[in-house]
PDB file of all heavy atoms in Angstrom:
ATOM      1  N   GLU A   1      73.557  21.572 -35.522  1.00  0.00           N
ATOM      2  CA  GLU A   1      74.305  22.501 -36.391  1.00  0.00           C
ATOM      3  C   GLU A   1      75.647  21.863 -36.898  1.00  0.00           C
ATOM      4  O   GLU A   1      76.158  22.353 -37.946  1.00  0.00           O
ATOM      5  CB  GLU A   1      74.479  23.829 -35.788  1.00  0.00           C
ATOM      6  CG  GLU A   1      75.297  23.767 -34.553  1.00  0.00           C
ATOM      7  CD  GLU A   1      74.490  23.603 -33.276  1.00  0.00           C
ATOM      8  OE1 GLU A   1      73.296  23.393 -33.340  1.00  0.00           O
ATOM      9  OE2 GLU A   1      75.055  23.691 -32.203  1.00  0.00           O
ATOM     10  N   PHE A   2      76.122  20.934 -36.197  1.00  0.00           N
ATOM     11  CA  PHE A   2      77.413  20.296 -36.686  1.00  0.00           C
ATOM     12  C   PHE A   2      77.217  19.420 -37.930  1.00  0.00           C
ATOM     13  O   PHE A   2      78.211  19.151 -38.572  1.00  0.00           O
ATOM     14  CB  PHE A   2      78.009  19.419 -35.491  1.00  0.00           C
ATOM     15  CG  PHE A   2      78.490  20.308 -34.306  1.00  0.00           C
ATOM     16  CD1 PHE A   2      77.762  20.089 -33.013  1.00  0.00           C
ATOM     17  CD2 PHE A   2      79.401  21.298 -34.469  1.00  0.00           C
ATOM     18  CE1 PHE A   2      78.273  20.939 -31.957  1.00  0.00           C
ATOM     19  CE2 PHE A   2      79.832  22.050 -33.377  1.00  0.00           C
ATOM     20  CZ  PHE A   2      79.235  21.888 -32.159  1.00  0.00           C
ATOM     21  N   LEU A   3      75.955  18.969 -38.123  1.00  0.00           N
ATOM     22  CA  LEU A   3      75.724  18.181 -39.350  1.00  0.00           C
ATOM     23  C   LEU A   3      75.306  19.120 -40.467  1.00  0.00           C
ATOM     24  O   LEU A   3      75.106  18.541 -41.574  1.00  0.00           O
ATOM     25  CB  LEU A   3      74.611  17.224 -39.045  1.00  0.00           C
ATOM     26  CG  LEU A   3      74.867  16.061 -38.055  1.00  0.00           C
ATOM     27  CD1 LEU A   3      73.648  15.208 -37.791  1.00  0.00           C
ATOM     28  CD2 LEU A   3      75.964  15.258 -38.604  1.00  0.00           C
ATOM     29  N   LEU A   4      75.202  20.401 -40.270  1.00  0.00           N
ATOM     30  CA  LEU A   4      74.775  21.310 -41.298  1.00  0.00           C
ATOM     31  C   LEU A   4      75.811  21.245 -42.587  1.00  0.00           C
ATOM     32  O   LEU A   4      75.218  21.141 -43.725  1.00  0.00           O
ATOM     33  CB  LEU A   4      74.671  22.733 -40.866  1.00  0.00           C
ATOM     34  CG  LEU A   4      74.096  23.776 -41.915  1.00  0.00           C
ATOM     35  CD1 LEU A   4      72.711  23.384 -42.344  1.00  0.00           C
ATOM     36  CD2 LEU A   4      74.068  25.136 -41.195  1.00  0.00           C
ATOM     37  N   PRO A   5      77.056  21.279 -42.368  1.00  0.00           N
ATOM     38  CA  PRO A   5      77.879  21.115 -43.618  1.00  0.00           C
ATOM     39  C   PRO A   5      77.703  19.869 -44.393  1.00  0.00           C
ATOM     40  O   PRO A   5      77.711  19.901 -45.622  1.00  0.00           O
ATOM     41  CB  PRO A   5      79.306  21.181 -43.015  1.00  0.00           C
ATOM     42  CG  PRO A   5      79.206  21.892 -41.735  1.00  0.00           C
ATOM     43  CD  PRO A   5      77.821  21.489 -41.202  1.00  0.00           C
ATOM     44  N   VAL A   6      77.400  18.851 -43.694  1.00  0.00           N
ATOM     45  CA  VAL A   6      77.139  17.480 -44.449  1.00  0.00           C
ATOM     46  C   VAL A   6      75.900  17.600 -45.268  1.00  0.00           C
ATOM     47  O   VAL A   6      75.909  17.217 -46.431  1.00  0.00           O
ATOM     48  CB  VAL A   6      77.021  16.313 -43.383  1.00  0.00           C
ATOM     49  CG1 VAL A   6      76.695  15.003 -44.133  1.00  0.00           C
ATOM     50  CG2 VAL A   6      78.340  16.180 -42.663  1.00  0.00           C
ATOM     51  N   PHE A   7      74.847  18.174 -44.658  1.00  0.00           N
ATOM     52  CA  PHE A   7      73.592  18.213 -45.459  1.00  0.00           C
ATOM     53  C   PHE A   7      73.733  19.295 -46.594  1.00  0.00           C
ATOM     54  O   PHE A   7      73.076  19.085 -47.636  1.00  0.00           O
ATOM     55  CB  PHE A   7      72.444  18.666 -44.462  1.00  0.00           C
ATOM     56  CG  PHE A   7      71.894  17.466 -43.744  1.00  0.00           C
ATOM     57  CD1 PHE A   7      72.383  17.118 -42.519  1.00  0.00           C
ATOM     58  CD2 PHE A   7      70.813  16.721 -44.297  1.00  0.00           C
ATOM     59  CE1 PHE A   7      71.864  15.936 -41.951  1.00  0.00           C
ATOM     60  CE2 PHE A   7      70.246  15.654 -43.654  1.00  0.00           C
ATOM     61  CZ  PHE A   7      70.807  15.278 -42.449  1.00  0.00           C
ATOM     62  N   LEU A   8      74.458  20.308 -46.342  1.00  0.00           N
ATOM     63  CA  LEU A   8      74.684  21.295 -47.519  1.00  0.00           C
ATOM     64  C   LEU A   8      75.539  20.660 -48.621  1.00  0.00           C
ATOM     65  O   LEU A   8      75.323  21.037 -49.766  1.00  0.00           O
ATOM     66  CB  LEU A   8      75.432  22.505 -46.889  1.00  0.00           C
ATOM     67  CG  LEU A   8      74.588  23.440 -46.105  1.00  0.00           C
ATOM     68  CD1 LEU A   8      75.442  24.603 -45.558  1.00  0.00           C
ATOM     69  CD2 LEU A   8      73.353  23.914 -46.763  1.00  0.00           C
ATOM     70  N   LYS A   9      76.353  19.723 -48.302  1.00  0.00           N
ATOM     71  CA  LYS A   9      77.042  18.977 -49.385  1.00  0.00           C
ATOM     72  C   LYS A   9      76.092  18.176 -50.082  1.00  0.00           C
ATOM     73  O   LYS A   9      76.215  17.959 -51.294  1.00  0.00           O
ATOM     74  CB  LYS A   9      78.110  18.204 -48.790  1.00  0.00           C
ATOM     75  CG  LYS A   9      79.533  18.622 -48.765  1.00  0.00           C
ATOM     76  CD  LYS A   9      80.021  19.149 -50.112  1.00  0.00           C
ATOM     77  CE  LYS A   9      81.434  19.342 -50.184  1.00  0.00           C
ATOM     78  NZ  LYS A   9      81.889  20.295 -51.097  1.00  0.00           N
ATOM     79  N   LEU A  10      75.216  17.407 -49.459  1.00  0.00           N
ATOM     80  CA  LEU A  10      74.162  16.483 -49.997  1.00  0.00           C
ATOM     81  C   LEU A  10      73.080  17.311 -50.719  1.00  0.00           C
ATOM     82  O   LEU A  10      72.683  16.868 -51.789  1.00  0.00           O
ATOM     83  CB  LEU A  10      73.641  15.609 -48.980  1.00  0.00           C
ATOM     84  CG  LEU A  10      74.601  14.640 -48.272  1.00  0.00           C
ATOM     85  CD1 LEU A  10      73.784  13.871 -47.167  1.00  0.00           C
ATOM     86  CD2 LEU A  10      75.088  13.607 -49.298  1.00  0.00           C
ATOM     87  N   PHE A  11      72.618  18.314 -50.172  1.00  0.00           N
ATOM     88  CA  PHE A  11      71.514  19.168 -50.713  1.00  0.00           C
ATOM     89  C   PHE A  11      72.029  20.614 -50.853  1.00  0.00           C
ATOM     90  O   PHE A  11      71.597  21.434 -49.965  1.00  0.00           O
ATOM     91  CB  PHE A  11      70.356  19.048 -49.806  1.00  0.00           C
ATOM     92  CG  PHE A  11      69.884  17.663 -49.475  1.00  0.00           C
ATOM     93  CD1 PHE A  11      70.093  17.050 -48.225  1.00  0.00           C
ATOM     94  CD2 PHE A  11      69.296  16.871 -50.409  1.00  0.00           C
ATOM     95  CE1 PHE A  11      69.764  15.854 -47.925  1.00  0.00           C
ATOM     96  CE2 PHE A  11      68.884  15.582 -50.150  1.00  0.00           C
ATOM     97  CZ  PHE A  11      69.188  15.131 -48.896  1.00  0.00           C
ATOM     98  N   PRO A  12      72.654  20.995 -51.930  1.00  0.00           N
ATOM     99  CA  PRO A  12      73.208  22.294 -51.981  1.00  0.00           C
ATOM    100  C   PRO A  12      72.133  23.460 -52.091  1.00  0.00           C
ATOM    101  O   PRO A  12      72.380  24.532 -51.853  1.00  0.00           O
ATOM    102  CB  PRO A  12      74.137  22.226 -53.266  1.00  0.00           C
ATOM    103  CG  PRO A  12      73.849  20.946 -53.930  1.00  0.00           C
ATOM    104  CD  PRO A  12      73.062  20.135 -53.011  1.00  0.00           C
ATOM    105  N   GLN A  13      70.938  23.086 -52.566  1.00  0.00           N
ATOM    106  CA  GLN A  13      69.932  24.094 -52.758  1.00  0.00           C
ATOM    107  C   GLN A  13      69.079  24.233 -51.485  1.00  0.00           C
ATOM    108  O   GLN A  13      68.036  24.863 -51.555  1.00  0.00           O
ATOM    109  CB  GLN A  13      69.026  23.689 -53.898  1.00  0.00           C
ATOM    110  CG  GLN A  13      69.703  23.652 -55.286  1.00  0.00           C
ATOM    111  CD  GLN A  13      70.211  25.028 -55.612  1.00  0.00           C
ATOM    112  OE1 GLN A  13      69.652  26.035 -55.374  1.00  0.00           O
ATOM    113  NE2 GLN A  13      71.458  25.073 -56.181  1.00  0.00           N
ATOM    114  N   MET A  14      69.519  23.734 -50.361  1.00  0.00           N
ATOM    115  CA  MET A  14      68.721  23.732 -49.170  1.00  0.00           C
ATOM    116  C   MET A  14      68.656  25.126 -48.519  1.00  0.00           C
ATOM    117  O   MET A  14      67.579  25.526 -47.976  1.00  0.00           O
ATOM    118  CB  MET A  14      69.292  22.792 -48.094  1.00  0.00           C
ATOM    119  CG  MET A  14      68.433  22.583 -46.939  1.00  0.00           C
ATOM    120  SD  MET A  14      69.038  21.347 -45.811  1.00  0.00           S
ATOM    121  CE  MET A  14      70.047  22.351 -44.732  1.00  0.00           C
ATOM    122  N   LEU A  15      69.688  25.880 -48.682  1.00  0.00           N
ATOM    123  CA  LEU A  15      69.723  27.243 -48.053  1.00  0.00           C
ATOM    124  C   LEU A  15      69.020  28.261 -48.964  1.00  0.00           C
ATOM    125  O   LEU A  15      69.056  28.058 -50.175  1.00  0.00           O
ATOM    126  CB  LEU A  15      71.197  27.732 -47.885  1.00  0.00           C
ATOM    127  CG  LEU A  15      71.885  27.100 -46.660  1.00  0.00           C
ATOM    128  CD1 LEU A  15      73.404  27.647 -46.684  1.00  0.00           C
ATOM    129  CD2 LEU A  15      71.250  27.410 -45.380  1.00  0.00           C
ATOM    130  N   PRO A  16      68.375  29.247 -48.347  1.00  0.00           N
ATOM    131  CA  PRO A  16      67.740  30.246 -49.159  1.00  0.00           C
ATOM    132  C   PRO A  16      68.725  31.005 -50.006  1.00  0.00           C
ATOM    133  O   PRO A  16      69.915  31.039 -49.762  1.00  0.00           O
ATOM    134  CB  PRO A  16      67.210  31.174 -48.012  1.00  0.00           C
ATOM    135  CG  PRO A  16      67.042  30.372 -46.795  1.00  0.00           C
ATOM    136  CD  PRO A  16      68.113  29.387 -46.928  1.00  0.00           C
ATOM    137  N   SER A  17      68.205  31.709 -50.968  1.00  0.00           N
ATOM    138  CA  SER A  17      69.084  32.288 -51.949  1.00  0.00           C
ATOM    139  C   SER A  17      69.966  33.539 -51.376  1.00  0.00           C
ATOM    140  O   SER A  17      70.952  33.907 -51.849  1.00  0.00           O
ATOM    141  CB  SER A  17      68.369  32.947 -53.142  1.00  0.00           C
ATOM    142  OG  SER A  17      67.461  33.931 -52.675  1.00  0.00           O
ATOM    143  N   THR A  18      69.454  34.034 -50.195  1.00  0.00           N
ATOM    144  CA  THR A  18      70.169  35.144 -49.594  1.00  0.00           C
ATOM    145  C   THR A  18      71.493  34.662 -48.895  1.00  0.00           C
ATOM    146  O   THR A  18      72.343  35.502 -48.677  1.00  0.00           O
ATOM    147  CB  THR A  18      69.300  35.895 -48.492  1.00  0.00           C
ATOM    148  OG1 THR A  18      68.936  34.814 -47.572  1.00  0.00           O
ATOM    149  CG2 THR A  18      68.124  36.583 -49.111  1.00  0.00           C
ATOM    150  N   PHE A  19      71.612  33.427 -48.760  1.00  0.00           N
ATOM    151  CA  PHE A  19      72.918  32.779 -48.244  1.00  0.00           C
ATOM    152  C   PHE A  19      73.897  32.403 -49.359  1.00  0.00           C
ATOM    153  O   PHE A  19      74.866  31.831 -48.992  1.00  0.00           O
ATOM    154  CB  PHE A  19      72.541  31.649 -47.376  1.00  0.00           C
ATOM    155  CG  PHE A  19      71.808  31.959 -46.122  1.00  0.00           C
ATOM    156  CD1 PHE A  19      70.458  32.016 -46.109  1.00  0.00           C
ATOM    157  CD2 PHE A  19      72.489  32.337 -44.913  1.00  0.00           C
ATOM    158  CE1 PHE A  19      69.764  32.296 -44.981  1.00  0.00           C
ATOM    159  CE2 PHE A  19      71.807  32.655 -43.841  1.00  0.00           C
ATOM    160  CZ  PHE A  19      70.353  32.616 -43.829  1.00  0.00           C
ATOM    161  N   GLU A  20      73.587  32.627 -50.520  1.00  0.00           N
ATOM    162  CA  GLU A  20      74.438  32.298 -51.619  1.00  0.00           C
ATOM    163  C   GLU A  20      75.709  33.213 -51.707  1.00  0.00           C
ATOM    164  O   GLU A  20      75.604  34.402 -51.626  1.00  0.00           O
ATOM    165  CB  GLU A  20      73.622  32.467 -52.916  1.00  0.00           C
ATOM    166  CG  GLU A  20      74.210  31.694 -54.005  1.00  0.00           C
ATOM    167  CD  GLU A  20      73.201  31.717 -55.191  1.00  0.00           C
ATOM    168  OE1 GLU A  20      73.026  32.847 -55.819  1.00  0.00           O
ATOM    169  OE2 GLU A  20      72.614  30.699 -55.517  1.00  0.00           O
ATOM    170  N   THR A  21      76.852  32.500 -51.888  1.00  0.00           N
ATOM    171  CA  THR A  21      78.063  33.364 -51.977  1.00  0.00           C
ATOM    172  C   THR A  21      78.267  33.851 -53.486  1.00  0.00           C
ATOM    173  O   THR A  21      77.602  33.302 -54.384  1.00  0.00           O
ATOM    174  CB  THR A  21      79.284  32.575 -51.622  1.00  0.00           C
ATOM    175  OG1 THR A  21      79.373  31.336 -52.464  1.00  0.00           O
ATOM    176  CG2 THR A  21      79.209  32.059 -50.129  1.00  0.00           C
ATOM    177  N   GLU A  22      79.095  34.761 -53.628  1.00  0.00           N
ATOM    178  CA  GLU A  22      79.356  35.305 -54.950  1.00  0.00           C
ATOM    179  C   GLU A  22      79.915  34.275 -55.845  1.00  0.00           C
ATOM    180  O   GLU A  22      79.521  34.246 -57.073  1.00  0.00           O
ATOM    181  CB  GLU A  22      80.333  36.486 -54.858  1.00  0.00           C
ATOM    182  CG  GLU A  22      80.501  37.245 -56.115  1.00  0.00           C
ATOM    183  CD  GLU A  22      79.205  37.999 -56.631  1.00  0.00           C
ATOM    184  OE1 GLU A  22      78.432  38.375 -55.696  1.00  0.00           O
ATOM    185  OE2 GLU A  22      78.922  38.065 -57.768  1.00  0.00           O
ATOM    186  N   SER A  23      80.855  33.447 -55.438  1.00  0.00           N
ATOM    187  CA  SER A  23      81.469  32.391 -56.314  1.00  0.00           C
ATOM    188  C   SER A  23      80.435  31.395 -56.818  1.00  0.00           C
ATOM    189  O   SER A  23      80.377  31.038 -57.944  1.00  0.00           O
ATOM    190  CB  SER A  23      82.546  31.696 -55.525  1.00  0.00           C
ATOM    191  OG  SER A  23      82.120  31.070 -54.464  1.00  0.00           O
ATOM    192  N   LYS A  24      79.491  31.029 -55.844  1.00  0.00           N
ATOM    193  CA  LYS A  24      78.402  30.149 -56.336  1.00  0.00           C
ATOM    194  C   LYS A  24      77.476  30.709 -57.354  1.00  0.00           C
ATOM    195  O   LYS A  24      77.020  30.050 -58.175  1.00  0.00           O
ATOM    196  CB  LYS A  24      77.626  29.543 -55.065  1.00  0.00           C
ATOM    197  CG  LYS A  24      78.455  28.614 -54.175  1.00  0.00           C
ATOM    198  CD  LYS A  24      77.548  27.962 -53.275  1.00  0.00           C
ATOM    199  CE  LYS A  24      78.485  27.005 -52.389  1.00  0.00           C
ATOM    200  NZ  LYS A  24      77.939  25.806 -52.076  1.00  0.00           N
ATOM    201  N   ARG A  25      77.237  32.034 -57.123  1.00  0.00           N
ATOM    202  CA  ARG A  25      76.352  32.718 -58.065  1.00  0.00           C
ATOM    203  C   ARG A  25      77.021  32.803 -59.444  1.00  0.00           C
ATOM    204  O   ARG A  25      76.384  32.575 -60.473  1.00  0.00           O
ATOM    205  CB  ARG A  25      76.085  34.145 -57.527  1.00  0.00           C
ATOM    206  CG  ARG A  25      75.001  34.864 -58.256  1.00  0.00           C
ATOM    207  CD  ARG A  25      74.673  36.168 -57.600  1.00  0.00           C
ATOM    208  NE  ARG A  25      74.137  35.962 -56.241  1.00  0.00           N
ATOM    209  CZ  ARG A  25      74.666  36.653 -55.247  1.00  0.00           C
ATOM    210  NH1 ARG A  25      75.501  37.593 -55.381  1.00  0.00           N
ATOM    211  NH2 ARG A  25      74.027  36.426 -53.970  1.00  0.00           N
ATOM    212  N   GLU A  26      78.318  33.096 -59.411  1.00  0.00           N
ATOM    213  CA  GLU A  26      79.078  33.162 -60.768  1.00  0.00           C
ATOM    214  C   GLU A  26      79.125  31.829 -61.389  1.00  0.00           C
ATOM    215  O   GLU A  26      78.908  31.733 -62.612  1.00  0.00           O
ATOM    216  CB  GLU A  26      80.519  33.723 -60.489  1.00  0.00           C
ATOM    217  CG  GLU A  26      80.524  35.210 -60.214  1.00  0.00           C
ATOM    218  CD  GLU A  26      81.910  35.645 -59.900  1.00  0.00           C
ATOM    219  OE1 GLU A  26      82.845  34.767 -59.909  1.00  0.00           O
ATOM    220  OE2 GLU A  26      82.056  36.813 -59.655  1.00  0.00           O
ATOM    221  N   GLU A  27      79.272  30.711 -60.603  1.00  0.00           N
ATOM    222  CA  GLU A  27      79.294  29.410 -61.160  1.00  0.00           C
ATOM    223  C   GLU A  27      77.970  29.017 -61.767  1.00  0.00           C
ATOM    224  O   GLU A  27      77.886  28.410 -62.878  1.00  0.00           O
ATOM    225  CB  GLU A  27      79.602  28.422 -60.072  1.00  0.00           C
ATOM    226  CG  GLU A  27      79.775  26.926 -60.451  1.00  0.00           C
ATOM    227  CD  GLU A  27      80.180  26.036 -59.405  1.00  0.00           C
ATOM    228  OE1 GLU A  27      80.733  26.450 -58.353  1.00  0.00           O
ATOM    229  OE2 GLU A  27      79.696  24.889 -59.463  1.00  0.00           O
TER     230      GLU A  27
END
């Protein structure tokens, strides 16, 4: 889980849509 932020930076669409923040949705 410590590598999760690295993978999220590399693959931003990896998380399901329910984990999307409001700022990313607006972007």
